[in-house]
Amino acid sequence: MIEHRPLGKSFLYAFEGVYYALKHNQNFRIHFLIAILVVLVSIFLKVNLLEMAILGVMILLVISAEMINASIEQMVDLIVTEHRKEAKIAKDVAAGMVLVTSIGSVIVGLLILVPYLTRLLI
């Protein structure tokens, strides 16, 4: 039977997960700081609402990918105690997901922000 917990507890557990990722995952902290920087630069440059929303979605995509990657790494480490090719593949593919989303986010970010920066400098 499925246990139903109060909604407040679900949010508490979710925030604990974000806190854990910030505290224990260096790559998550790096992505989080870059996200804050991008938001601050976007506000300074007065990026329009649609572009700000696109940047927000890309930021959340990278942050989510990093959290999924961290979860997969933790689960693999919990289940597999010896070195196994399949465990390495699972971890590498999860890390690749973060790489692909990060590259995509950088491209989208540059496409949005470079015109604003160019206008500011010219």
PDB file of N, CA and C in Angstrom:
ATOM      1  N   MET A   1       0.837  -1.177   0.000  1.00  0.00           N
ATOM      2  CA  MET A   1       0.000   0.000   0.000  1.00  0.00           C
ATOM      3  C   MET A   1       0.890   1.252   0.000  1.00  0.00           C
ATOM      4  N   ILE A   2       0.518   2.237  -0.783  1.00  0.00           N
ATOM      5  CA  ILE A   2       1.292   3.465  -0.903  1.00  0.00           C
ATOM      6  C   ILE A   2       1.033   4.349   0.309  1.00  0.00           C
ATOM      7  N   GLU A   3       2.135   4.815   0.917  1.00  0.00           N
ATOM      8  CA  GLU A   3       2.024   5.709   2.065  1.00  0.00           C
ATOM      9  C   GLU A   3       1.913   7.143   1.561  1.00  0.00           C
ATOM     10  N   HIS A   4       0.901   7.846   2.036  1.00  0.00           N
ATOM     11  CA  HIS A   4       0.727   9.251   1.664  1.00  0.00           C
ATOM     12  C   HIS A   4       1.198  10.118   2.816  1.00  0.00           C
ATOM     13  N   ARG A   5       2.177  10.977   2.529  1.00  0.00           N
ATOM     14  CA  ARG A   5       2.667  11.871   3.566  1.00  0.00           C
ATOM     15  C   ARG A   5       2.100  13.264   3.311  1.00  0.00           C
ATOM     16  N   PRO A   6       2.022  14.069   4.356  1.00  0.00           N
ATOM     17  CA  PRO A   6       1.515  15.437   4.177  1.00  0.00           C
ATOM     18  C   PRO A   6       2.357  16.211   3.164  1.00  0.00           C
ATOM     19  N   LEU A   7       1.698  17.104   2.445  1.00  0.00           N
ATOM     20  CA  LEU A   7       2.365  17.891   1.405  1.00  0.00           C
ATOM     21  C   LEU A   7       3.537  18.689   1.975  1.00  0.00           C
ATOM     22  N   GLY A   8       3.362  19.223   3.173  1.00  0.00           N
ATOM     23  CA  GLY A   8       4.433  19.993   3.808  1.00  0.00           C
ATOM     24  C   GLY A   8       5.691  19.167   3.997  1.00  0.00           C
ATOM     25  N   LYS A   9       5.515  17.897   4.384  1.00  0.00           N
ATOM     26  CA  LYS A   9       6.681  17.012   4.560  1.00  0.00           C
ATOM     27  C   LYS A   9       7.362  16.752   3.224  1.00  0.00           C
ATOM     28  N   SER A  10       6.576  16.601   2.173  1.00  0.00           N
ATOM     29  CA  SER A  10       7.154  16.380   0.847  1.00  0.00           C
ATOM     30  C   SER A  10       8.034  17.557   0.440  1.00  0.00           C
ATOM     31  N   PHE A  11       7.545  18.778   0.676  1.00  0.00           N
ATOM     32  CA  PHE A  11       8.353  19.956   0.367  1.00  0.00           C
ATOM     33  C   PHE A  11       9.601  20.008   1.238  1.00  0.00           C
ATOM     34  N   LEU A  12       9.463  19.653   2.506  1.00  0.00           N
ATOM     35  CA  LEU A  12      10.612  19.640   3.412  1.00  0.00           C
ATOM     36  C   LEU A  12      11.683  18.680   2.898  1.00  0.00           C
ATOM     37  N   TYR A  13      11.272  17.479   2.500  1.00  0.00           N
ATOM     38  CA  TYR A  13      12.228  16.502   1.968  1.00  0.00           C
ATOM     39  C   TYR A  13      12.883  17.021   0.688  1.00  0.00           C
ATOM     40  N   ALA A  14      12.097  17.694  -0.149  1.00  0.00           N
ATOM     41  CA  ALA A  14      12.643  18.243  -1.394  1.00  0.00           C
ATOM     42  C   ALA A  14      13.693  19.316  -1.097  1.00  0.00           C
ATOM     43  N   PHE A  15      13.397  20.208  -0.157  1.00  0.00           N
ATOM     44  CA  PHE A  15      14.373  21.237   0.213  1.00  0.00           C
ATOM     45  C   PHE A  15      15.613  20.619   0.850  1.00  0.00           C
ATOM     46  N   GLU A  16      15.433  19.543   1.603  1.00  0.00           N
ATOM     47  CA  GLU A  16      16.587  18.838   2.163  1.00  0.00           C
ATOM     48  C   GLU A  16      17.471  18.289   1.048  1.00  0.00           C
ATOM     49  N   GLY A  17      16.842  17.817  -0.033  1.00  0.00           N
ATOM     50  CA  GLY A  17      17.608  17.324  -1.180  1.00  0.00           C
ATOM     51  C   GLY A  17      18.410  18.428  -1.848  1.00  0.00           C
ATOM     52  N   VAL A  18      17.800  19.593  -2.016  1.00  0.00           N
ATOM     53  CA  VAL A  18      18.514  20.732  -2.606  1.00  0.00           C
ATOM     54  C   VAL A  18      19.660  21.154  -1.688  1.00  0.00           C
ATOM     55  N   TYR A  19      19.391  21.208  -0.385  1.00  0.00           N
ATOM     56  CA  TYR A  19      20.429  21.575   0.587  1.00  0.00           C
ATOM     57  C   TYR A  19      21.583  20.570   0.542  1.00  0.00           C
ATOM     58  N   TYR A  20      21.252  19.289   0.484  1.00  0.00           N
ATOM     59  CA  TYR A  20      22.286  18.253   0.411  1.00  0.00           C
ATOM     60  C   TYR A  20      23.146  18.451  -0.839  1.00  0.00           C
ATOM     61  N   ALA A  21      22.484  18.702  -1.968  1.00  0.00           N
ATOM     62  CA  ALA A  21      23.227  18.897  -3.218  1.00  0.00           C
ATOM     63  C   ALA A  21      24.155  20.106  -3.112  1.00  0.00           C
ATOM     64  N   LEU A  22      23.669  21.198  -2.525  1.00  0.00           N
ATOM     65  CA  LEU A  22      24.509  22.386  -2.362  1.00  0.00           C
ATOM     66  C   LEU A  22      25.691  22.118  -1.436  1.00  0.00           C
ATOM     67  N   LYS A  23      25.442  21.370  -0.379  1.00  0.00           N
ATOM     68  CA  LYS A  23      26.478  21.130   0.622  1.00  0.00           C
ATOM     69  C   LYS A  23      27.527  20.114   0.158  1.00  0.00           C
ATOM     70  N   HIS A  24      27.104  19.092  -0.579  1.00  0.00           N
ATOM     71  CA  HIS A  24      27.988  17.960  -0.863  1.00  0.00           C
ATOM     72  C   HIS A  24      28.435  17.824  -2.317  1.00  0.00           C
ATOM     73  N   ASN A  25      27.906  18.637  -3.217  1.00  0.00           N
ATOM     74  CA  ASN A  25      28.214  18.450  -4.631  1.00  0.00           C
ATOM     75  C   ASN A  25      28.837  19.728  -5.200  1.00  0.00           C
ATOM     76  N   GLN A  26      30.139  19.679  -5.440  1.00  0.00           N
ATOM     77  CA  GLN A  26      30.854  20.854  -5.933  1.00  0.00           C
ATOM     78  C   GLN A  26      30.307  21.330  -7.279  1.00  0.00           C
ATOM     79  N   ASN A  27      30.040  20.409  -8.193  1.00  0.00           N
ATOM     80  CA  ASN A  27      29.522  20.799  -9.505  1.00  0.00           C
ATOM     81  C   ASN A  27      28.165  21.476  -9.386  1.00  0.00           C
ATOM     82  N   PHE A  28      27.329  21.011  -8.464  1.00  0.00           N
ATOM     83  CA  PHE A  28      26.027  21.643  -8.240  1.00  0.00           C
ATOM     84  C   PHE A  28      26.231  23.081  -7.758  1.00  0.00           C
ATOM     85  N   ARG A  29      27.168  23.281  -6.832  1.00  0.00           N
ATOM     86  CA  ARG A  29      27.445  24.635  -6.334  1.00  0.00           C
ATOM     87  C   ARG A  29      27.934  25.542  -7.462  1.00  0.00           C
ATOM     88  N   ILE A  30      28.783  25.009  -8.321  1.00  0.00           N
ATOM     89  CA  ILE A  30      29.284  25.800  -9.454  1.00  0.00           C
ATOM     90  C   ILE A  30      28.131  26.198 -10.363  1.00  0.00           C
ATOM     91  N   HIS A  31      27.282  25.240 -10.724  1.00  0.00           N
ATOM     92  CA  HIS A  31      26.132  25.551 -11.578  1.00  0.00           C
ATOM     93  C   HIS A  31      25.193  26.541 -10.898  1.00  0.00           C
ATOM     94  N   PHE A  32      25.003  26.386  -9.607  1.00  0.00           N
ATOM     95  CA  PHE A  32      24.119  27.275  -8.852  1.00  0.00           C
ATOM     96  C   PHE A  32      24.665  28.710  -8.865  1.00  0.00           C
ATOM     97  N   LEU A  33      25.962  28.865  -8.655  1.00  0.00           N
ATOM     98  CA  LEU A  33      26.570  30.201  -8.677  1.00  0.00           C
ATOM     99  C   LEU A  33      26.522  30.822 -10.072  1.00  0.00           C
ATOM    100  N   ILE A  34      26.762  30.016 -11.092  1.00  0.00           N
ATOM    101  CA  ILE A  34      26.655  30.519 -12.467  1.00  0.00           C
ATOM    102  C   ILE A  34      25.223  30.958 -12.747  1.00  0.00           C
ATOM    103  N   ALA A  35      24.253  30.189 -12.267  1.00  0.00           N
ATOM    104  CA  ALA A  35      22.844  30.543 -12.460  1.00  0.00           C
ATOM    105  C   ALA A  35      22.536  31.896 -11.824  1.00  0.00           C
ATOM    106  N   ILE A  36      23.011  32.106 -10.610  1.00  0.00           N
ATOM    107  CA  ILE A  36      22.788  33.390  -9.936  1.00  0.00           C
ATOM    108  C   ILE A  36      23.431  34.520 -10.734  1.00  0.00           C
ATOM    109  N   LEU A  37      24.645  34.297 -11.216  1.00  0.00           N
ATOM    110  CA  LEU A  37      25.344  35.300 -12.016  1.00  0.00           C
ATOM    111  C   LEU A  37      24.565  35.631 -13.295  1.00  0.00           C
ATOM    112  N   VAL A  38      24.074  34.605 -13.984  1.00  0.00           N
ATOM    113  CA  VAL A  38      23.306  34.817 -15.218  1.00  0.00           C
ATOM    114  C   VAL A  38      22.039  35.618 -14.928  1.00  0.00           C
ATOM    115  N   VAL A  39      21.353  35.291 -13.849  1.00  0.00           N
ATOM    116  CA  VAL A  39      20.134  36.028 -13.491  1.00  0.00           C
ATOM    117  C   VAL A  39      20.468  37.489 -13.189  1.00  0.00           C
ATOM    118  N   LEU A  40      21.517  37.727 -12.412  1.00  0.00           N
ATOM    119  CA  LEU A  40      21.899  39.103 -12.078  1.00  0.00           C
ATOM    120  C   LEU A  40      22.299  39.897 -13.322  1.00  0.00           C
ATOM    121  N   VAL A  41      23.087  39.284 -14.202  1.00  0.00           N
ATOM    122  CA  VAL A  41      23.482  39.951 -15.451  1.00  0.00           C
ATOM    123  C   VAL A  41      22.250  40.231 -16.306  1.00  0.00           C
ATOM    124  N   SER A  42      21.328  39.282 -16.368  1.00  0.00           N
ATOM    125  CA  SER A  42      20.111  39.458 -17.165  1.00  0.00           C
ATOM    126  C   SER A  42      19.261  40.605 -16.635  1.00  0.00           C
ATOM    127  N   ILE A  43      19.178  40.710 -15.316  1.00  0.00           N
ATOM    128  CA  ILE A  43      18.430  41.824 -14.718  1.00  0.00           C
ATOM    129  C   ILE A  43      19.126  43.148 -15.039  1.00  0.00           C
ATOM    130  N   PHE A  44      20.442  43.188 -14.889  1.00  0.00           N
ATOM    131  CA  PHE A  44      21.213  44.396 -15.187  1.00  0.00           C
ATOM    132  C   PHE A  44      21.037  44.821 -16.645  1.00  0.00           C
ATOM    133  N   LEU A  45      21.031  43.851 -17.552  1.00  0.00           N
ATOM    134  CA  LEU A  45      20.907  44.143 -18.985  1.00  0.00           C
ATOM    135  C   LEU A  45      19.467  44.382 -19.421  1.00  0.00           C
ATOM    136  N   LYS A  46      18.525  44.230 -18.491  1.00  0.00           N
ATOM    137  CA  LYS A  46      17.093  44.396 -18.782  1.00  0.00           C
ATOM    138  C   LYS A  46      16.628  43.456 -19.903  1.00  0.00           C
ATOM    139  N   VAL A  47      17.002  42.195 -19.756  1.00  0.00           N
ATOM    140  CA  VAL A  47      16.589  41.161 -20.710  1.00  0.00           C
ATOM    141  C   VAL A  47      15.066  41.061 -20.668  1.00  0.00           C
ATOM    142  N   ASN A  48      14.439  40.937 -21.834  1.00  0.00           N
ATOM    143  CA  ASN A  48      12.975  40.915 -21.855  1.00  0.00           C
ATOM    144  C   ASN A  48      12.427  39.653 -21.180  1.00  0.00           C
ATOM    145  N   LEU A  49      11.157  39.692 -20.869  1.00  0.00           N
ATOM    146  CA  LEU A  49      10.528  38.649 -20.060  1.00  0.00           C
ATOM    147  C   LEU A  49      10.606  37.267 -20.712  1.00  0.00           C
ATOM    148  N   LEU A  50      10.349  37.179 -22.012  1.00  0.00           N
ATOM    149  CA  LEU A  50      10.399  35.885 -22.692  1.00  0.00           C
ATOM    150  C   LEU A  50      11.817  35.305 -22.645  1.00  0.00           C
ATOM    151  N   GLU A  51      12.800  36.128 -22.925  1.00  0.00           N
ATOM    152  CA  GLU A  51      14.185  35.651 -22.882  1.00  0.00           C
ATOM    153  C   GLU A  51      14.599  35.274 -21.463  1.00  0.00           C
ATOM    154  N   MET A  52      14.119  36.035 -20.477  1.00  0.00           N
ATOM    155  CA  MET A  52      14.401  35.699 -19.081  1.00  0.00           C
ATOM    156  C   MET A  52      13.777  34.346 -18.736  1.00  0.00           C
ATOM    157  N   ALA A  53      12.577  34.101 -19.234  1.00  0.00           N
ATOM    158  CA  ALA A  53      11.923  32.809 -18.995  1.00  0.00           C
ATOM    159  C   ALA A  53      12.716  31.674 -19.642  1.00  0.00           C
ATOM    160  N   ILE A  54      13.204  31.901 -20.848  1.00  0.00           N
ATOM    161  CA  ILE A  54      14.013  30.882 -21.532  1.00  0.00           C
ATOM    162  C   ILE A  54      15.288  30.602 -20.737  1.00  0.00           C
ATOM    163  N   LEU A  55      15.944  31.657 -20.278  1.00  0.00           N
ATOM    164  CA  LEU A  55      17.145  31.470 -19.453  1.00  0.00           C
ATOM    165  C   LEU A  55      16.806  30.706 -18.177  1.00  0.00           C
ATOM    166  N   GLY A  56      15.660  31.031 -17.576  1.00  0.00           N
ATOM    167  CA  GLY A  56      15.231  30.331 -16.366  1.00  0.00           C
ATOM    168  C   GLY A  56      15.012  28.849 -16.605  1.00  0.00           C
ATOM    169  N   VAL A  57      14.380  28.521 -17.715  1.00  0.00           N
ATOM    170  CA  VAL A  57      14.154  27.107 -18.045  1.00  0.00           C
ATOM    171  C   VAL A  57      15.485  26.391 -18.255  1.00  0.00           C
ATOM    172  N   MET A  58      16.406  27.035 -18.945  1.00  0.00           N
ATOM    173  CA  MET A  58      17.714  26.419 -19.179  1.00  0.00           C
ATOM    174  C   MET A  58      18.474  26.222 -17.867  1.00  0.00           C
ATOM    175  N   ILE A  59      18.398  27.210 -16.985  1.00  0.00           N
ATOM    176  CA  ILE A  59      19.047  27.091 -15.673  1.00  0.00           C
ATOM    177  C   ILE A  59      18.462  25.914 -14.909  1.00  0.00           C
ATOM    178  N   LEU A  60      17.134  25.832 -14.872  1.00  0.00           N
ATOM    179  CA  LEU A  60      16.487  24.735 -14.145  1.00  0.00           C
ATOM    180  C   LEU A  60      16.799  23.386 -14.774  1.00  0.00           C
ATOM    181  N   LEU A  61      16.960  23.352 -16.081  1.00  0.00           N
ATOM    182  CA  LEU A  61      17.315  22.110 -16.765  1.00  0.00           C
ATOM    183  C   LEU A  61      18.698  21.628 -16.316  1.00  0.00           C
ATOM    184  N   VAL A  62      19.661  22.532 -16.268  1.00  0.00           N
ATOM    185  CA  VAL A  62      21.016  22.154 -15.843  1.00  0.00           C
ATOM    186  C   VAL A  62      21.027  21.743 -14.373  1.00  0.00           C
ATOM    187  N   ILE A  63      20.369  22.521 -13.522  1.00  0.00           N
ATOM    188  CA  ILE A  63      20.323  22.204 -12.089  1.00  0.00           C
ATOM    189  C   ILE A  63      19.658  20.842 -11.883  1.00  0.00           C
ATOM    190  N   SER A  64      18.565  20.599 -12.595  1.00  0.00           N
ATOM    191  CA  SER A  64      17.869  19.306 -12.481  1.00  0.00           C
ATOM    192  C   SER A  64      18.745  18.164 -12.972  1.00  0.00           C
ATOM    193  N   ALA A  65      19.430  18.373 -14.092  1.00  0.00           N
ATOM    194  CA  ALA A  65      20.325  17.332 -14.613  1.00  0.00           C
ATOM    195  C   ALA A  65      21.428  17.024 -13.610  1.00  0.00           C
ATOM    196  N   GLU A  66      21.960  18.052 -12.974  1.00  0.00           N
ATOM    197  CA  GLU A  66      23.016  17.842 -11.982  1.00  0.00           C
ATOM    198  C   GLU A  66      22.486  17.050 -10.785  1.00  0.00           C
ATOM    199  N   MET A  67      21.254  17.324 -10.384  1.00  0.00           N
ATOM    200  CA  MET A  67      20.667  16.591  -9.254  1.00  0.00           C
ATOM    201  C   MET A  67      20.376  15.134  -9.635  1.00  0.00           C
ATOM    202  N   ILE A  68      19.907  14.909 -10.859  1.00  0.00           N
ATOM    203  CA  ILE A  68      19.686  13.537 -11.326  1.00  0.00           C
ATOM    204  C   ILE A  68      21.017  12.795 -11.374  1.00  0.00           C
ATOM    205  N   ASN A  69      22.051  13.458 -11.888  1.00  0.00           N
ATOM    206  CA  ASN A  69      23.382  12.861 -11.943  1.00  0.00           C
ATOM    207  C   ASN A  69      23.861  12.474 -10.547  1.00  0.00           C
ATOM    208  N   ALA A  70      23.714  13.381  -9.593  1.00  0.00           N
ATOM    209  CA  ALA A  70      24.144  13.095  -8.220  1.00  0.00           C
ATOM    210  C   ALA A  70      23.360  11.919  -7.641  1.00  0.00           C
ATOM    211  N   SER A  71      22.061  11.861  -7.936  1.00  0.00           N
ATOM    212  CA  SER A  71      21.235  10.748  -7.445  1.00  0.00           C
ATOM    213  C   SER A  71      21.682   9.419  -8.039  1.00  0.00           C
ATOM    214  N   ILE A  72      21.953   9.417  -9.332  1.00  0.00           N
ATOM    215  CA  ILE A  72      22.409   8.190  -9.991  1.00  0.00           C
ATOM    216  C   ILE A  72      23.750   7.749  -9.416  1.00  0.00           C
ATOM    217  N   GLU A  73      24.660   8.689  -9.226  1.00  0.00           N
ATOM    218  CA  GLU A  73      25.964   8.341  -8.652  1.00  0.00           C
ATOM    219  C   GLU A  73      25.813   7.745  -7.255  1.00  0.00           C
ATOM    220  N   GLN A  74      24.957   8.341  -6.428  1.00  0.00           N
ATOM    221  CA  GLN A  74      24.736   7.826  -5.073  1.00  0.00           C
ATOM    222  C   GLN A  74      24.129   6.427  -5.105  1.00  0.00           C
ATOM    223  N   MET A  75      23.148   6.218  -5.978  1.00  0.00           N
ATOM    224  CA  MET A  75      22.503   4.901  -6.068  1.00  0.00           C
ATOM    225  C   MET A  75      23.481   3.841  -6.560  1.00  0.00           C
ATOM    226  N   VAL A  76      24.277   4.180  -7.565  1.00  0.00           N
ATOM    227  CA  VAL A  76      25.264   3.227  -8.075  1.00  0.00           C
ATOM    228  C   VAL A  76      26.260   2.878  -6.975  1.00  0.00           C
ATOM    229  N   ASP A  77      26.732   3.886  -6.243  1.00  0.00           N
ATOM    230  CA  ASP A  77      27.681   3.626  -5.153  1.00  0.00           C
ATOM    231  C   ASP A  77      27.057   2.779  -4.051  1.00  0.00           C
ATOM    232  N   LEU A  78      25.768   2.947  -3.815  1.00  0.00           N
ATOM    233  CA  LEU A  78      25.068   2.169  -2.794  1.00  0.00           C
ATOM    234  C   LEU A  78      24.911   0.707  -3.214  1.00  0.00           C
ATOM    235  N   ILE A  79      24.599   0.493  -4.483  1.00  0.00           N
ATOM    236  CA  ILE A  79      24.281  -0.852  -4.970  1.00  0.00           C
ATOM    237  C   ILE A  79      25.528  -1.640  -5.358  1.00  0.00           C
ATOM    238  N   VAL A  80      26.504  -0.965  -5.970  1.00  0.00           N
ATOM    239  CA  VAL A  80      27.678  -1.644  -6.517  1.00  0.00           C
ATOM    240  C   VAL A  80      28.890  -1.324  -5.641  1.00  0.00           C
ATOM    241  N   THR A  81      29.458  -2.353  -5.049  1.00  0.00           N
ATOM    242  CA  THR A  81      30.614  -2.134  -4.168  1.00  0.00           C
ATOM    243  C   THR A  81      31.943  -2.360  -4.879  1.00  0.00           C
ATOM    244  N   GLU A  82      31.932  -3.139  -5.933  1.00  0.00           N
ATOM    245  CA  GLU A  82      33.172  -3.384  -6.679  1.00  0.00           C
ATOM    246  C   GLU A  82      33.100  -2.639  -8.019  1.00  0.00           C
ATOM    247  N   HIS A  83      34.257  -2.493  -8.664  1.00  0.00           N
ATOM    248  CA  HIS A  83      34.296  -1.815  -9.956  1.00  0.00           C
ATOM    249  C   HIS A  83      33.611  -2.689 -11.008  1.00  0.00           C
ATOM    250  N   ARG A  84      32.593  -2.127 -11.656  1.00  0.00           N
ATOM    251  CA  ARG A  84      31.890  -2.844 -12.727  1.00  0.00           C
ATOM    252  C   ARG A  84      31.721  -1.916 -13.916  1.00  0.00           C
ATOM    253  N   LYS A  85      31.866  -2.480 -15.091  1.00  0.00           N
ATOM    254  CA  LYS A  85      31.745  -1.702 -16.319  1.00  0.00           C
ATOM    255  C   LYS A  85      30.377  -1.029 -16.409  1.00  0.00           C
ATOM    256  N   GLU A  86      29.322  -1.748 -16.046  1.00  0.00           N
ATOM    257  CA  GLU A  86      27.959  -1.206 -16.133  1.00  0.00           C
ATOM    258  C   GLU A  86      27.766  -0.012 -15.192  1.00  0.00           C
ATOM    259  N   ALA A  87      28.376  -0.086 -14.011  1.00  0.00           N
ATOM    260  CA  ALA A  87      28.276   1.023 -13.058  1.00  0.00           C
ATOM    261  C   ALA A  87      28.969   2.264 -13.625  1.00  0.00           C
ATOM    262  N   LYS A  88      30.124   2.058 -14.231  1.00  0.00           N
ATOM    263  CA  LYS A  88      30.851   3.165 -14.846  1.00  0.00           C
ATOM    264  C   LYS A  88      30.037   3.783 -15.976  1.00  0.00           C
ATOM    265  N   ILE A  89      29.417   2.933 -16.786  1.00  0.00           N
ATOM    266  CA  ILE A  89      28.597   3.431 -17.894  1.00  0.00           C
ATOM    267  C   ILE A  89      27.442   4.271 -17.360  1.00  0.00           C
ATOM    268  N   ALA A  90      26.761   3.787 -16.321  1.00  0.00           N
ATOM    269  CA  ALA A  90      25.640   4.533 -15.737  1.00  0.00           C
ATOM    270  C   ALA A  90      26.097   5.910 -15.261  1.00  0.00           C
ATOM    271  N   LYS A  91      27.230   5.943 -14.574  1.00  0.00           N
ATOM    272  CA  LYS A  91      27.752   7.218 -14.077  1.00  0.00           C
ATOM    273  C   LYS A  91      28.196   8.123 -15.221  1.00  0.00           C
ATOM    274  N   ASP A  92      28.858   7.553 -16.215  1.00  0.00           N
ATOM    275  CA  ASP A  92      29.340   8.348 -17.344  1.00  0.00           C
ATOM    276  C   ASP A  92      28.185   8.929 -18.154  1.00  0.00           C
ATOM    277  N   VAL A  93      27.149   8.135 -18.375  1.00  0.00           N
ATOM    278  CA  VAL A  93      25.990   8.626 -19.130  1.00  0.00           C
ATOM    279  C   VAL A  93      25.294   9.747 -18.357  1.00  0.00           C
ATOM    280  N   ALA A  94      25.161   9.581 -17.048  1.00  0.00           N
ATOM    281  CA  ALA A  94      24.545  10.627 -16.226  1.00  0.00           C
ATOM    282  C   ALA A  94      25.379  11.910 -16.275  1.00  0.00           C
ATOM    283  N   ALA A  95      26.692  11.769 -16.196  1.00  0.00           N
ATOM    284  CA  ALA A  95      27.569  12.942 -16.300  1.00  0.00           C
ATOM    285  C   ALA A  95      27.466  13.564 -17.689  1.00  0.00           C
ATOM    286  N   GLY A  96      27.335  12.723 -18.708  1.00  0.00           N
ATOM    287  CA  GLY A  96      27.157  13.214 -20.067  1.00  0.00           C
ATOM    288  C   GLY A  96      25.882  14.029 -20.217  1.00  0.00           C
ATOM    289  N   MET A  97      24.832  13.623 -19.508  1.00  0.00           N
ATOM    290  CA  MET A  97      23.577  14.376 -19.524  1.00  0.00           C
ATOM    291  C   MET A  97      23.819  15.797 -19.023  1.00  0.00           C
ATOM    292  N   VAL A  98      24.581  15.926 -17.956  1.00  0.00           N
ATOM    293  CA  VAL A  98      24.885  17.251 -17.413  1.00  0.00           C
ATOM    294  C   VAL A  98      25.712  18.049 -18.417  1.00  0.00           C
ATOM    295  N   LEU A  99      26.677  17.398 -19.034  1.00  0.00           N
ATOM    296  CA  LEU A  99      27.514  18.075 -20.024  1.00  0.00           C
ATOM    297  C   LEU A  99      26.677  18.603 -21.187  1.00  0.00           C
ATOM    298  N   VAL A 100      25.802  17.763 -21.724  1.00  0.00           N
ATOM    299  CA  VAL A 100      24.976  18.158 -22.870  1.00  0.00           C
ATOM    300  C   VAL A 100      24.043  19.310 -22.496  1.00  0.00           C
ATOM    301  N   THR A 101      23.392  19.218 -21.338  1.00  0.00           N
ATOM    302  CA  THR A 101      22.488  20.304 -20.931  1.00  0.00           C
ATOM    303  C   THR A 101      23.272  21.587 -20.650  1.00  0.00           C
ATOM    304  N   SER A 102      24.464  21.450 -20.101  1.00  0.00           N
ATOM    305  CA  SER A 102      25.286  22.635 -19.822  1.00  0.00           C
ATOM    306  C   SER A 102      25.722  23.317 -21.115  1.00  0.00           C
ATOM    307  N   ILE A 103      26.165  22.529 -22.084  1.00  0.00           N
ATOM    308  CA  ILE A 103      26.570  23.100 -23.374  1.00  0.00           C
ATOM    309  C   ILE A 103      25.381  23.788 -24.037  1.00  0.00           C
ATOM    310  N   GLY A 104      24.234  23.122 -24.026  1.00  0.00           N
ATOM    311  CA  GLY A 104      23.025  23.730 -24.591  1.00  0.00           C
ATOM    312  C   GLY A 104      22.666  25.030 -23.896  1.00  0.00           C
ATOM    313  N   SER A 105      22.795  25.050 -22.583  1.00  0.00           N
ATOM    314  CA  SER A 105      22.479  26.262 -21.825  1.00  0.00           C
ATOM    315  C   SER A 105      23.446  27.395 -22.134  1.00  0.00           C
ATOM    316  N   VAL A 106      24.715  27.067 -22.280  1.00  0.00           N
ATOM    317  CA  VAL A 106      25.701  28.094 -22.633  1.00  0.00           C
ATOM    318  C   VAL A 106      25.373  28.678 -24.005  1.00  0.00           C
ATOM    319  N   ILE A 107      25.038  27.825 -24.956  1.00  0.00           N
ATOM    320  CA  ILE A 107      24.699  28.301 -26.304  1.00  0.00           C
ATOM    321  C   ILE A 107      23.481  29.212 -26.255  1.00  0.00           C
ATOM    322  N   VAL A 108      22.416  28.762 -25.581  1.00  0.00           N
ATOM    323  CA  VAL A 108      21.198  29.575 -25.469  1.00  0.00           C
ATOM    324  C   VAL A 108      21.505  30.881 -24.737  1.00  0.00           C
ATOM    325  N   GLY A 109      22.269  30.785 -23.648  1.00  0.00           N
ATOM    326  CA  GLY A 109      22.628  31.986 -22.896  1.00  0.00           C
ATOM    327  C   GLY A 109      23.391  32.990 -23.742  1.00  0.00           C
ATOM    328  N   LEU A 110      24.344  32.504 -24.521  1.00  0.00           N
ATOM    329  CA  LEU A 110      25.108  33.400 -25.395  1.00  0.00           C
ATOM    330  C   LEU A 110      24.223  34.019 -26.472  1.00  0.00           C
ATOM    331  N   LEU A 111      23.340  33.216 -27.063  1.00  0.00           N
ATOM    332  CA  LEU A 111      22.434  33.747 -28.088  1.00  0.00           C
ATOM    333  C   LEU A 111      21.548  34.856 -27.533  1.00  0.00           C
ATOM    334  N   ILE A 112      21.164  34.725 -26.282  1.00  0.00           N
ATOM    335  CA  ILE A 112      20.304  35.743 -25.668  1.00  0.00           C
ATOM    336  C   ILE A 112      21.118  36.935 -25.172  1.00  0.00           C
ATOM    337  N   LEU A 113      22.216  36.693 -24.479  1.00  0.00           N
ATOM    338  CA  LEU A 113      22.920  37.774 -23.786  1.00  0.00           C
ATOM    339  C   LEU A 113      23.893  38.565 -24.653  1.00  0.00           C
ATOM    340  N   VAL A 114      24.514  37.933 -25.641  1.00  0.00           N
ATOM    341  CA  VAL A 114      25.516  38.642 -26.456  1.00  0.00           C
ATOM    342  C   VAL A 114      24.941  39.889 -27.131  1.00  0.00           C
ATOM    343  N   PRO A 115      23.747  39.845 -27.734  1.00  0.00           N
ATOM    344  CA  PRO A 115      23.215  41.088 -28.323  1.00  0.00           C
ATOM    345  C   PRO A 115      23.046  42.215 -27.294  1.00  0.00           C
ATOM    346  N   TYR A 116      22.612  41.877 -26.085  1.00  0.00           N
ATOM    347  CA  TYR A 116      22.477  42.891 -25.035  1.00  0.00           C
ATOM    348  C   TYR A 116      23.845  43.449 -24.649  1.00  0.00           C
ATOM    349  N   LEU A 117      24.827  42.571 -24.498  1.00  0.00           N
ATOM    350  CA  LEU A 117      26.180  43.011 -24.140  1.00  0.00           C
ATOM    351  C   LEU A 117      26.796  43.853 -25.253  1.00  0.00           C
ATOM    352  N   THR A 118      26.547  43.464 -26.499  1.00  0.00           N
ATOM    353  CA  THR A 118      27.068  44.212 -27.645  1.00  0.00           C
ATOM    354  C   THR A 118      26.499  45.627 -27.657  1.00  0.00           C
ATOM    355  N   ARG A 119      25.177  45.756 -27.439  1.00  0.00           N
ATOM    356  CA  ARG A 119      24.545  47.078 -27.400  1.00  0.00           C
ATOM    357  C   ARG A 119      25.095  47.926 -26.256  1.00  0.00           C
ATOM    358  N   LEU A 120      25.404  47.279 -25.156  1.00  0.00           N
ATOM    359  CA  LEU A 120      25.933  47.994 -23.990  1.00  0.00           C
ATOM    360  C   LEU A 120      27.328  48.543 -24.276  1.00  0.00           C
ATOM    361  N   LEU A 121      28.121  47.785 -25.023  1.00  0.00           N
ATOM    362  CA  LEU A 121      29.509  48.163 -25.289  1.00  0.00           C
ATOM    363  C   LEU A 121      29.662  49.113 -26.467  1.00  0.00           C
ATOM    364  N   ILE A 122      28.671  49.129 -27.341  1.00  0.00           N
ATOM    365  CA  ILE A 122      28.782  49.982 -28.550  1.00  0.00           C
ATOM    366  C   ILE A 122      28.141  51.331 -28.301  1.00  0.00           C
TER     367      ILE A 122
END
